[in-house]
Amino acid sequence: HFADSLGVPCLGLYGPTSTVSWGLLGINSQTFSEPVACSPCYLDTGEFPNCPYEIKCMTELTPERVLVGLKATRL
């Protein structure tokens, strides 16, 4: 987040945390998340609930998908 605020190109991977609450804001940054029904489950309370879905929000966010997104945005 420090680098993002300084304009350094950044990549953010989000699963249980919200890209709206915790995402990168810089014009040179890109956020990625997997659209699963239970995400984001972290509700800014300081606690992560136990995941009954084997953390699908992160395990289904594949390196290939992120790479395609990076190439499309030229980050």
PDB file of N, CA and C in Angstrom:
ATOM      1  N   HIS A   1       0.806  -1.191   0.000  1.00  0.00           N
ATOM      2  CA  HIS A   1       0.000   0.000   0.000  1.00  0.00           C
ATOM      3  C   HIS A   1       0.855   1.264   0.000  1.00  0.00           C
ATOM      4  N   PHE A   2       2.039   1.201   0.611  1.00  0.00           N
ATOM      5  CA  PHE A   2       2.934   2.358   0.558  1.00  0.00           C
ATOM      6  C   PHE A   2       3.383   2.611  -0.874  1.00  0.00           C
ATOM      7  N   ALA A   3       3.812   1.557  -1.551  1.00  0.00           N
ATOM      8  CA  ALA A   3       4.260   1.707  -2.937  1.00  0.00           C
ATOM      9  C   ALA A   3       3.121   2.220  -3.809  1.00  0.00           C
ATOM     10  N   ASP A   4       1.932   1.691  -3.624  1.00  0.00           N
ATOM     11  CA  ASP A   4       0.764   2.130  -4.386  1.00  0.00           C
ATOM     12  C   ASP A   4       0.530   3.620  -4.185  1.00  0.00           C
ATOM     13  N   SER A   5       0.626   4.089  -2.962  1.00  0.00           N
ATOM     14  CA  SER A   5       0.387   5.507  -2.686  1.00  0.00           C
ATOM     15  C   SER A   5       1.471   6.409  -3.280  1.00  0.00           C
ATOM     16  N   LEU A   6       2.637   5.829  -3.570  1.00  0.00           N
ATOM     17  CA  LEU A   6       3.728   6.587  -4.182  1.00  0.00           C
ATOM     18  C   LEU A   6       3.729   6.492  -5.703  1.00  0.00           C
ATOM     19  N   GLY A   7       2.739   5.802  -6.257  1.00  0.00           N
ATOM     20  CA  GLY A   7       2.626   5.698  -7.698  1.00  0.00           C
ATOM     21  C   GLY A   7       3.391   4.557  -8.320  1.00  0.00           C
ATOM     22  N   VAL A   8       3.951   3.689  -7.505  1.00  0.00           N
ATOM     23  CA  VAL A   8       4.669   2.523  -8.012  1.00  0.00           C
ATOM     24  C   VAL A   8       3.638   1.501  -8.487  1.00  0.00           C
ATOM     25  N   PRO A   9       3.796   0.955  -9.691  1.00  0.00           N
ATOM     26  CA  PRO A   9       2.853  -0.067 -10.153  1.00  0.00           C
ATOM     27  C   PRO A   9       2.806  -1.245  -9.181  1.00  0.00           C
ATOM     28  N   CYS A  10       1.598  -1.635  -8.801  1.00  0.00           N
ATOM     29  CA  CYS A  10       1.415  -2.708  -7.821  1.00  0.00           C
ATOM     30  C   CYS A  10       0.351  -3.683  -8.295  1.00  0.00           C
ATOM     31  N   LEU A  11       0.445  -4.877  -7.762  1.00  0.00           N
ATOM     32  CA  LEU A  11      -0.514  -5.945  -8.020  1.00  0.00           C
ATOM     33  C   LEU A  11      -1.058  -6.400  -6.677  1.00  0.00           C
ATOM     34  N   GLY A  12      -2.367  -6.394  -6.515  1.00  0.00           N
ATOM     35  CA  GLY A  12      -2.987  -6.846  -5.276  1.00  0.00           C
ATOM     36  C   GLY A  12      -3.885  -8.041  -5.525  1.00  0.00           C
ATOM     37  N   LEU A  13      -3.663  -9.107  -4.761  1.00  0.00           N
ATOM     38  CA  LEU A  13      -4.511 -10.294  -4.848  1.00  0.00           C
ATOM     39  C   LEU A  13      -5.404 -10.325  -3.619  1.00  0.00           C
ATOM     40  N   TYR A  14      -6.699 -10.384  -3.821  1.00  0.00           N
ATOM     41  CA  TYR A  14      -7.660 -10.305  -2.723  1.00  0.00           C
ATOM     42  C   TYR A  14      -8.590 -11.501  -2.740  1.00  0.00           C
ATOM     43  N   GLY A  15      -8.875 -12.009  -1.576  1.00  0.00           N
ATOM     44  CA  GLY A  15      -9.785 -13.142  -1.426  1.00  0.00           C
ATOM     45  C   GLY A  15     -10.780 -12.845  -0.338  1.00  0.00           C
ATOM     46  N   PRO A  16     -10.400 -13.107   0.920  1.00  0.00           N
ATOM     47  CA  PRO A  16     -11.320 -12.844   2.012  1.00  0.00           C
ATOM     48  C   PRO A  16     -11.463 -11.358   2.325  1.00  0.00           C
ATOM     49  N   THR A  17     -10.533 -10.534   1.864  1.00  0.00           N
ATOM     50  CA  THR A  17     -10.639  -9.091   2.112  1.00  0.00           C
ATOM     51  C   THR A  17     -11.247  -8.391   0.903  1.00  0.00           C
ATOM     52  N   SER A  18     -11.893  -7.300   1.147  1.00  0.00           N
ATOM     53  CA  SER A  18     -12.598  -6.544   0.118  1.00  0.00           C
ATOM     54  C   SER A  18     -11.659  -5.649  -0.674  1.00  0.00           C
ATOM     55  N   THR A  19     -11.806  -5.661  -1.994  1.00  0.00           N
ATOM     56  CA  THR A  19     -11.036  -4.733  -2.817  1.00  0.00           C
ATOM     57  C   THR A  19     -11.532  -3.302  -2.631  1.00  0.00           C
ATOM     58  N   VAL A  20     -12.765  -3.147  -2.193  1.00  0.00           N
ATOM     59  CA  VAL A  20     -13.308  -1.813  -1.948  1.00  0.00           C
ATOM     60  C   VAL A  20     -12.707  -1.227  -0.674  1.00  0.00           C
ATOM     61  N   SER A  21     -12.661  -2.008   0.396  1.00  0.00           N
ATOM     62  CA  SER A  21     -12.133  -1.524   1.671  1.00  0.00           C
ATOM     63  C   SER A  21     -10.615  -1.499   1.712  1.00  0.00           C
ATOM     64  N   TRP A  22      -9.979  -2.503   1.106  1.00  0.00           N
ATOM     65  CA  TRP A  22      -8.534  -2.684   1.264  1.00  0.00           C
ATOM     66  C   TRP A  22      -7.773  -2.651  -0.049  1.00  0.00           C
ATOM     67  N   GLY A  23      -8.448  -2.418  -1.156  1.00  0.00           N
ATOM     68  CA  GLY A  23      -7.816  -2.474  -2.466  1.00  0.00           C
ATOM     69  C   GLY A  23      -6.850  -1.343  -2.729  1.00  0.00           C
ATOM     70  N   LEU A  24      -6.078  -1.514  -3.764  1.00  0.00           N
ATOM     71  CA  LEU A  24      -5.119  -0.507  -4.183  1.00  0.00           C
ATOM     72  C   LEU A  24      -5.862   0.598  -4.924  1.00  0.00           C
ATOM     73  N   LEU A  25      -5.424   1.837  -4.744  1.00  0.00           N
ATOM     74  CA  LEU A  25      -6.128   2.975  -5.317  1.00  0.00           C
ATOM     75  C   LEU A  25      -5.374   3.678  -6.434  1.00  0.00           C
ATOM     76  N   GLY A  26      -4.094   3.377  -6.578  1.00  0.00           N
ATOM     77  CA  GLY A  26      -3.272   4.070  -7.564  1.00  0.00           C
ATOM     78  C   GLY A  26      -3.662   3.741  -8.990  1.00  0.00           C
ATOM     79  N   ILE A  27      -3.451   4.699  -9.885  1.00  0.00           N
ATOM     80  CA  ILE A  27      -3.786   4.482 -11.291  1.00  0.00           C
ATOM     81  C   ILE A  27      -2.837   3.483 -11.940  1.00  0.00           C
ATOM     82  N   ASN A  28      -1.700   3.242 -11.312  1.00  0.00           N
ATOM     83  CA  ASN A  28      -0.731   2.281 -11.834  1.00  0.00           C
ATOM     84  C   ASN A  28      -0.871   0.906 -11.193  1.00  0.00           C
ATOM     85  N   SER A  29      -1.936   0.693 -10.462  1.00  0.00           N
ATOM     86  CA  SER A  29      -2.105  -0.561  -9.724  1.00  0.00           C
ATOM     87  C   SER A  29      -3.305  -1.335 -10.234  1.00  0.00           C
ATOM     88  N   GLN A  30      -3.274  -2.619 -10.007  1.00  0.00           N
ATOM     89  CA  GLN A  30      -4.347  -3.510 -10.447  1.00  0.00           C
ATOM     90  C   GLN A  30      -4.680  -4.471  -9.316  1.00  0.00           C
ATOM     91  N   THR A  31      -5.965  -4.681  -9.071  1.00  0.00           N
ATOM     92  CA  THR A  31      -6.391  -5.663  -8.075  1.00  0.00           C
ATOM     93  C   THR A  31      -7.066  -6.829  -8.781  1.00  0.00           C
ATOM     94  N   PHE A  32      -6.893  -8.003  -8.208  1.00  0.00           N
ATOM     95  CA  PHE A  32      -7.511  -9.207  -8.731  1.00  0.00           C
ATOM     96  C   PHE A  32      -8.205  -9.934  -7.585  1.00  0.00           C
ATOM     97  N   SER A  33      -9.387 -10.456  -7.882  1.00  0.00           N
ATOM     98  CA  SER A  33     -10.106 -11.290  -6.921  1.00  0.00           C
ATOM     99  C   SER A  33     -10.967 -12.265  -7.712  1.00  0.00           C
ATOM    100  N   GLU A  34     -11.312 -13.348  -7.073  1.00  0.00           N
ATOM    101  CA  GLU A  34     -12.148 -14.364  -7.712  1.00  0.00           C
ATOM    102  C   GLU A  34     -13.590 -14.144  -7.263  1.00  0.00           C
ATOM    103  N   PRO A  35     -14.527 -13.988  -8.195  1.00  0.00           N
ATOM    104  CA  PRO A  35     -15.913 -13.720  -7.814  1.00  0.00           C
ATOM    105  C   PRO A  35     -16.631 -14.972  -7.293  1.00  0.00           C
ATOM    106  N   VAL A  36     -16.449 -15.266  -6.020  1.00  0.00           N
ATOM    107  CA  VAL A  36     -17.173 -16.368  -5.386  1.00  0.00           C
ATOM    108  C   VAL A  36     -18.205 -15.769  -4.438  1.00  0.00           C
ATOM    109  N   ALA A  37     -19.293 -16.472  -4.246  1.00  0.00           N
ATOM    110  CA  ALA A  37     -20.431 -15.935  -3.490  1.00  0.00           C
ATOM    111  C   ALA A  37     -20.089 -15.543  -2.058  1.00  0.00           C
ATOM    112  N   CYS A  38     -19.137 -16.208  -1.447  1.00  0.00           N
ATOM    113  CA  CYS A  38     -18.840 -15.952  -0.036  1.00  0.00           C
ATOM    114  C   CYS A  38     -17.773 -14.870   0.180  1.00  0.00           C
ATOM    115  N   SER A  39     -17.234 -14.311  -0.874  1.00  0.00           N
ATOM    116  CA  SER A  39     -16.158 -13.339  -0.741  1.00  0.00           C
ATOM    117  C   SER A  39     -16.663 -11.932  -1.009  1.00  0.00           C
ATOM    118  N   PRO A  40     -16.259 -10.958  -0.251  1.00  0.00           N
ATOM    119  CA  PRO A  40     -15.320 -11.052   0.861  1.00  0.00           C
ATOM    120  C   PRO A  40     -16.024 -11.442   2.149  1.00  0.00           C
ATOM    121  N   CYS A  41     -15.371 -12.275   2.922  1.00  0.00           N
ATOM    122  CA  CYS A  41     -15.954 -12.703   4.199  1.00  0.00           C
ATOM    123  C   CYS A  41     -15.384 -11.913   5.371  1.00  0.00           C
ATOM    124  N   TYR A  42     -14.219 -11.277   5.156  1.00  0.00           N
ATOM    125  CA  TYR A  42     -13.625 -10.444   6.201  1.00  0.00           C
ATOM    126  C   TYR A  42     -14.370  -9.119   6.189  1.00  0.00           C
ATOM    127  N   LEU A  43     -15.020  -8.798   7.270  1.00  0.00           N
ATOM    128  CA  LEU A  43     -15.897  -7.633   7.310  1.00  0.00           C
ATOM    129  C   LEU A  43     -15.323  -6.467   8.108  1.00  0.00           C
ATOM    130  N   ASP A  44     -14.013  -6.296   8.057  1.00  0.00           N
ATOM    131  CA  ASP A  44     -13.341  -5.182   8.733  1.00  0.00           C
ATOM    132  C   ASP A  44     -13.514  -5.200  10.249  1.00  0.00           C
ATOM    133  N   THR A  45     -13.729  -6.379  10.811  1.00  0.00           N
ATOM    134  CA  THR A  45     -13.896  -6.501  12.255  1.00  0.00           C
ATOM    135  C   THR A  45     -12.593  -6.884  12.938  1.00  0.00           C
ATOM    136  N   GLY A  46     -11.587  -7.234  12.148  1.00  0.00           N
ATOM    137  CA  GLY A  46     -10.317  -7.672  12.713  1.00  0.00           C
ATOM    138  C   GLY A  46     -10.212  -9.170  12.863  1.00  0.00           C
ATOM    139  N   GLU A  47     -11.244  -9.894  12.466  1.00  0.00           N
ATOM    140  CA  GLU A  47     -11.239 -11.346  12.575  1.00  0.00           C
ATOM    141  C   GLU A  47     -11.593 -11.972  11.238  1.00  0.00           C
ATOM    142  N   PHE A  48     -10.926 -13.075  10.930  1.00  0.00           N
ATOM    143  CA  PHE A  48     -11.269 -13.857   9.758  1.00  0.00           C
ATOM    144  C   PHE A  48     -12.071 -15.067  10.227  1.00  0.00           C
ATOM    145  N   PRO A  49     -13.281 -15.254   9.693  1.00  0.00           N
ATOM    146  CA  PRO A  49     -14.036 -16.451  10.073  1.00  0.00           C
ATOM    147  C   PRO A  49     -13.384 -17.688   9.455  1.00  0.00           C
ATOM    148  N   ASN A  50     -13.597 -18.837  10.070  1.00  0.00           N
ATOM    149  CA  ASN A  50     -13.128 -20.089   9.475  1.00  0.00           C
ATOM    150  C   ASN A  50     -13.841 -20.294   8.150  1.00  0.00           C
ATOM    151  N   CYS A  51     -13.102 -20.751   7.169  1.00  0.00           N
ATOM    152  CA  CYS A  51     -13.660 -20.909   5.831  1.00  0.00           C
ATOM    153  C   CYS A  51     -14.167 -22.334   5.616  1.00  0.00           C
ATOM    154  N   PRO A  52     -15.472 -22.506   5.405  1.00  0.00           N
ATOM    155  CA  PRO A  52     -16.003 -23.838   5.127  1.00  0.00           C
ATOM    156  C   PRO A  52     -15.855 -24.231   3.657  1.00  0.00           C
ATOM    157  N   TYR A  53     -15.302 -23.349   2.827  1.00  0.00           N
ATOM    158  CA  TYR A  53     -15.213 -23.596   1.389  1.00  0.00           C
ATOM    159  C   TYR A  53     -13.778 -23.770   0.893  1.00  0.00           C
ATOM    160  N   GLU A  54     -12.865 -24.128   1.774  1.00  0.00           N
ATOM    161  CA  GLU A  54     -11.468 -24.393   1.430  1.00  0.00           C
ATOM    162  C   GLU A  54     -10.796 -23.210   0.733  1.00  0.00           C
ATOM    163  N   ILE A  55     -11.137 -22.007   1.151  1.00  0.00           N
ATOM    164  CA  ILE A  55     -10.552 -20.750   0.667  1.00  0.00           C
ATOM    165  C   ILE A  55     -10.621 -20.653  -0.862  1.00  0.00           C
ATOM    166  N   LYS A  56     -11.783 -20.959  -1.418  1.00  0.00           N
ATOM    167  CA  LYS A  56     -11.982 -20.913  -2.867  1.00  0.00           C
ATOM    168  C   LYS A  56     -11.635 -19.553  -3.452  1.00  0.00           C
ATOM    169  N   CYS A  57     -11.831 -18.504  -2.690  1.00  0.00           N
ATOM    170  CA  CYS A  57     -11.560 -17.156  -3.195  1.00  0.00           C
ATOM    171  C   CYS A  57     -10.095 -16.970  -3.571  1.00  0.00           C
ATOM    172  N   MET A  58      -9.213 -17.727  -2.958  1.00  0.00           N
ATOM    173  CA  MET A  58      -7.792 -17.635  -3.287  1.00  0.00           C
ATOM    174  C   MET A  58      -7.334 -18.796  -4.172  1.00  0.00           C
ATOM    175  N   THR A  59      -7.811 -19.992  -3.893  1.00  0.00           N
ATOM    176  CA  THR A  59      -7.329 -21.152  -4.661  1.00  0.00           C
ATOM    177  C   THR A  59      -7.843 -21.138  -6.100  1.00  0.00           C
ATOM    178  N   GLU A  60      -8.969 -20.486  -6.353  1.00  0.00           N
ATOM    179  CA  GLU A  60      -9.493 -20.407  -7.715  1.00  0.00           C
ATOM    180  C   GLU A  60      -8.972 -19.192  -8.481  1.00  0.00           C
ATOM    181  N   LEU A  61      -8.235 -18.337  -7.816  1.00  0.00           N
ATOM    182  CA  LEU A  61      -7.589 -17.205  -8.477  1.00  0.00           C
ATOM    183  C   LEU A  61      -6.250 -17.710  -9.010  1.00  0.00           C
ATOM    184  N   THR A  62      -6.255 -18.149 -10.244  1.00  0.00           N
ATOM    185  CA  THR A  62      -5.096 -18.839 -10.803  1.00  0.00           C
ATOM    186  C   THR A  62      -4.018 -17.870 -11.281  1.00  0.00           C
ATOM    187  N   PRO A  63      -2.779 -18.315 -11.264  1.00  0.00           N
ATOM    188  CA  PRO A  63      -1.695 -17.488 -11.811  1.00  0.00           C
ATOM    189  C   PRO A  63      -1.944 -17.134 -13.282  1.00  0.00           C
ATOM    190  N   GLU A  64      -2.534 -18.048 -14.035  1.00  0.00           N
ATOM    191  CA  GLU A  64      -2.817 -17.786 -15.441  1.00  0.00           C
ATOM    192  C   GLU A  64      -3.791 -16.620 -15.603  1.00  0.00           C
ATOM    193  N   ARG A  65      -4.816 -16.585 -14.778  1.00  0.00           N
ATOM    194  CA  ARG A  65      -5.803 -15.494 -14.846  1.00  0.00           C
ATOM    195  C   ARG A  65      -5.157 -14.164 -14.495  1.00  0.00           C
ATOM    196  N   VAL A  66      -4.318 -14.159 -13.492  1.00  0.00           N
ATOM    197  CA  VAL A  66      -3.632 -12.932 -13.096  1.00  0.00           C
ATOM    198  C   VAL A  66      -2.688 -12.484 -14.211  1.00  0.00           C
ATOM    199  N   LEU A  67      -1.968 -13.401 -14.815  1.00  0.00           N
ATOM    200  CA  LEU A  67      -1.040 -13.065 -15.891  1.00  0.00           C
ATOM    201  C   LEU A  67      -1.785 -12.464 -17.083  1.00  0.00           C
ATOM    202  N   VAL A  68      -2.910 -13.041 -17.449  1.00  0.00           N
ATOM    203  CA  VAL A  68      -3.717 -12.501 -18.546  1.00  0.00           C
ATOM    204  C   VAL A  68      -4.172 -11.081 -18.196  1.00  0.00           C
ATOM    205  N   GLY A  69      -4.616 -10.879 -16.973  1.00  0.00           N
ATOM    206  CA  GLY A  69      -5.034  -9.548 -16.539  1.00  0.00           C
ATOM    207  C   GLY A  69      -3.903  -8.542 -16.554  1.00  0.00           C
ATOM    208  N   LEU A  70      -2.725  -8.972 -16.146  1.00  0.00           N
ATOM    209  CA  LEU A  70      -1.559  -8.088 -16.164  1.00  0.00           C
ATOM    210  C   LEU A  70      -1.180  -7.703 -17.589  1.00  0.00           C
ATOM    211  N   LYS A  71      -1.207  -8.663 -18.484  1.00  0.00           N
ATOM    212  CA  LYS A  71      -0.879  -8.366 -19.881  1.00  0.00           C
ATOM    213  C   LYS A  71      -1.890  -7.400 -20.485  1.00  0.00           C
ATOM    214  N   ALA A  72      -3.147  -7.546 -20.105  1.00  0.00           N
ATOM    215  CA  ALA A  72      -4.200  -6.664 -20.638  1.00  0.00           C
ATOM    216  C   ALA A  72      -4.064  -5.242 -20.124  1.00  0.00           C
ATOM    217  N   THR A  73      -3.562  -5.078 -18.914  1.00  0.00           N
ATOM    218  CA  THR A  73      -3.452  -3.732 -18.339  1.00  0.00           C
ATOM    219  C   THR A  73      -2.064  -3.142 -18.512  1.00  0.00           C
ATOM    220  N   ARG A  74      -1.109  -3.952 -18.968  1.00  0.00           N
ATOM    221  CA  ARG A  74       0.275  -3.516 -19.168  1.00  0.00           C
ATOM    222  C   ARG A  74       0.893  -2.956 -17.893  1.00  0.00           C
ATOM    223  N   LEU A  75       0.590  -3.579 -16.776  1.00  0.00           N
ATOM    224  CA  LEU A  75       1.136  -3.155 -15.484  1.00  0.00           C
ATOM    225  C   LEU A  75       2.590  -3.569 -15.371  1.00  0.00           C
TER     226      LEU A  75
END
